[in-house]
Amino acid sequence: MPKGKPCIRIPLLNICLLFVFYFLFLKFFTDESFFKMLSSSLDSYHLPEFNWKYYR
């Protein structure tokens, strides 16, 4: 039975690490300044209309 214990512990550690990374991810994205910076950079890079204004 002791061989079964690490098999149970490893997925639990992975799930805990996923929750920690997810919490940090949400913490960064709830920061308004970072979110505005990210959205503005995404607008400038990925909107074709925005790029057309620069080209013409």
N, C-alpha and C. Protein backbone atom coordinates (compact mmCIF):
# COMPACT_ATOMS: atom_id res chain seq x y z
N MET A 1 0.80 -1.23 0.00
CA MET A 1 0.00 0.00 0.00
C MET A 1 0.84 1.29 0.00
N PRO A 2 2.08 1.32 0.54
CA PRO A 2 2.85 2.57 0.51
C PRO A 2 3.18 3.04 -0.90
N LYS A 3 3.18 2.12 -1.88
CA LYS A 3 3.46 2.53 -3.26
C LYS A 3 2.32 3.38 -3.82
N GLY A 4 1.12 3.23 -3.29
CA GLY A 4 -0.02 4.01 -3.80
C GLY A 4 -0.03 5.44 -3.29
N LYS A 5 0.67 5.71 -2.19
CA LYS A 5 0.61 7.05 -1.62
C LYS A 5 1.24 8.13 -2.52
N PRO A 6 2.46 7.94 -3.08
CA PRO A 6 3.01 8.97 -3.96
C PRO A 6 2.17 9.20 -5.21
N CYS A 7 1.48 8.18 -5.68
CA CYS A 7 0.62 8.34 -6.85
C CYS A 7 -0.55 9.27 -6.52
N ILE A 8 -0.97 9.27 -5.26
CA ILE A 8 -2.05 10.16 -4.85
C ILE A 8 -1.51 11.57 -4.58
N ARG A 9 -0.31 11.64 -4.00
CA ARG A 9 0.24 12.94 -3.61
C ARG A 9 0.65 13.78 -4.82
N ILE A 10 1.19 13.15 -5.85
CA ILE A 10 1.71 13.91 -6.99
C ILE A 10 0.59 14.70 -7.72
N PRO A 11 -0.57 14.10 -8.04
CA PRO A 11 -1.63 14.89 -8.67
C PRO A 11 -2.15 15.99 -7.76
N LEU A 12 -2.20 15.76 -6.46
CA LEU A 12 -2.65 16.80 -5.54
C LEU A 12 -1.69 17.98 -5.56
N LEU A 13 -0.37 17.71 -5.60
CA LEU A 13 0.61 18.79 -5.68
C LEU A 13 0.47 19.55 -6.99
N ASN A 14 0.22 18.81 -8.08
CA ASN A 14 0.04 19.48 -9.37
C ASN A 14 -1.19 20.37 -9.36
N ILE A 15 -2.26 19.89 -8.75
CA ILE A 15 -3.49 20.69 -8.67
C ILE A 15 -3.27 21.94 -7.83
N CYS A 16 -2.54 21.79 -6.72
CA CYS A 16 -2.25 22.95 -5.86
C CYS A 16 -1.39 23.96 -6.61
N LEU A 17 -0.40 23.48 -7.36
CA LEU A 17 0.43 24.39 -8.14
C LEU A 17 -0.39 25.09 -9.22
N LEU A 18 -1.33 24.37 -9.84
CA LEU A 18 -2.19 24.99 -10.85
C LEU A 18 -3.04 26.09 -10.23
N PHE A 19 -3.57 25.84 -9.02
CA PHE A 19 -4.37 26.86 -8.35
C PHE A 19 -3.53 28.09 -8.01
N VAL A 20 -2.29 27.86 -7.58
CA VAL A 20 -1.41 28.98 -7.24
C VAL A 20 -1.11 29.82 -8.48
N PHE A 21 -0.76 29.15 -9.59
CA PHE A 21 -0.47 29.89 -10.83
C PHE A 21 -1.70 30.60 -11.35
N TYR A 22 -2.88 29.95 -11.21
CA TYR A 22 -4.13 30.56 -11.66
C TYR A 22 -4.45 31.80 -10.83
N PHE A 23 -4.18 31.74 -9.52
CA PHE A 23 -4.42 32.87 -8.62
C PHE A 23 -3.50 34.03 -8.97
N LEU A 24 -2.22 33.72 -9.24
CA LEU A 24 -1.27 34.77 -9.63
C LEU A 24 -1.67 35.37 -10.97
N PHE A 25 -2.14 34.52 -11.89
CA PHE A 25 -2.58 34.98 -13.21
C PHE A 25 -3.75 35.96 -13.07
N LEU A 26 -4.75 35.60 -12.23
CA LEU A 26 -5.88 36.49 -12.00
C LEU A 26 -5.44 37.77 -11.29
N LYS A 27 -4.47 37.64 -10.37
CA LYS A 27 -4.00 38.81 -9.63
C LYS A 27 -3.35 39.82 -10.57
N PHE A 28 -2.58 39.32 -11.55
CA PHE A 28 -1.95 40.22 -12.51
C PHE A 28 -3.00 40.84 -13.44
N PHE A 29 -3.99 40.05 -13.85
CA PHE A 29 -4.95 40.56 -14.82
C PHE A 29 -6.00 41.46 -14.20
N THR A 30 -6.19 41.39 -12.87
CA THR A 30 -7.13 42.30 -12.24
C THR A 30 -6.48 43.66 -12.01
N ASP A 31 -5.15 43.73 -12.14
CA ASP A 31 -4.48 45.02 -12.05
C ASP A 31 -4.84 45.85 -13.28
N GLU A 32 -5.47 47.00 -13.07
CA GLU A 32 -6.03 47.76 -14.19
C GLU A 32 -4.95 48.30 -15.12
N SER A 33 -3.85 48.77 -14.55
CA SER A 33 -2.79 49.35 -15.38
C SER A 33 -2.20 48.30 -16.31
N PHE A 34 -1.97 47.09 -15.77
CA PHE A 34 -1.43 46.02 -16.61
C PHE A 34 -2.44 45.60 -17.67
N PHE A 35 -3.73 45.55 -17.27
CA PHE A 35 -4.76 45.13 -18.22
C PHE A 35 -4.91 46.16 -19.34
N LYS A 36 -4.85 47.45 -18.98
CA LYS A 36 -4.95 48.49 -20.01
C LYS A 36 -3.75 48.45 -20.95
N MET A 37 -2.56 48.24 -20.38
CA MET A 37 -1.37 48.15 -21.19
C MET A 37 -1.47 46.96 -22.16
N LEU A 38 -1.94 45.82 -21.64
CA LEU A 38 -2.07 44.63 -22.46
C LEU A 38 -3.11 44.83 -23.56
N SER A 39 -4.26 45.43 -23.20
CA SER A 39 -5.32 45.62 -24.19
C SER A 39 -4.89 46.61 -25.27
N SER A 40 -4.16 47.67 -24.87
CA SER A 40 -3.70 48.64 -25.86
C SER A 40 -2.68 48.00 -26.80
N SER A 41 -1.80 47.17 -26.26
CA SER A 41 -0.80 46.51 -27.10
C SER A 41 -1.47 45.52 -28.04
N LEU A 42 -2.50 44.82 -27.53
CA LEU A 42 -3.22 43.88 -28.39
C LEU A 42 -3.97 44.62 -29.48
N ASP A 43 -4.55 45.78 -29.14
CA ASP A 43 -5.27 46.57 -30.14
C ASP A 43 -4.31 47.01 -31.25
N SER A 44 -3.14 47.47 -30.86
CA SER A 44 -2.20 48.00 -31.85
C SER A 44 -1.64 46.88 -32.73
N TYR A 45 -1.50 45.69 -32.16
CA TYR A 45 -0.88 44.60 -32.95
C TYR A 45 -1.89 43.81 -33.76
N HIS A 46 -3.07 43.56 -33.20
CA HIS A 46 -3.95 42.56 -33.82
C HIS A 46 -5.15 43.13 -34.56
N LEU A 47 -5.46 44.41 -34.42
CA LEU A 47 -6.58 44.95 -35.17
C LEU A 47 -6.12 45.40 -36.55
N PRO A 48 -6.70 44.86 -37.62
CA PRO A 48 -6.29 45.24 -38.97
C PRO A 48 -6.62 46.70 -39.27
N GLU A 49 -7.74 47.22 -38.72
CA GLU A 49 -8.11 48.61 -38.98
C GLU A 49 -7.05 49.55 -38.40
N PHE A 50 -6.54 49.21 -37.24
CA PHE A 50 -5.52 50.03 -36.59
C PHE A 50 -4.25 50.05 -37.45
N ASN A 51 -3.90 48.91 -38.01
CA ASN A 51 -2.70 48.84 -38.85
C ASN A 51 -2.90 49.60 -40.16
N TRP A 52 -4.13 49.56 -40.70
CA TRP A 52 -4.39 50.27 -41.95
C TRP A 52 -4.22 51.78 -41.77
N LYS A 53 -4.58 52.28 -40.59
CA LYS A 53 -4.42 53.72 -40.33
C LYS A 53 -2.94 54.10 -40.34
N TYR A 54 -2.09 53.20 -39.87
CA TYR A 54 -0.66 53.50 -39.88
C TYR A 54 -0.08 53.42 -41.29
N TYR A 55 -0.56 52.46 -42.08
CA TYR A 55 0.01 52.28 -43.41
C TYR A 55 -0.40 53.41 -44.35
N ARG A 56 -1.62 53.93 -44.20
CA ARG A 56 -2.10 54.95 -45.14
C ARG A 56 -1.89 56.34 -44.60
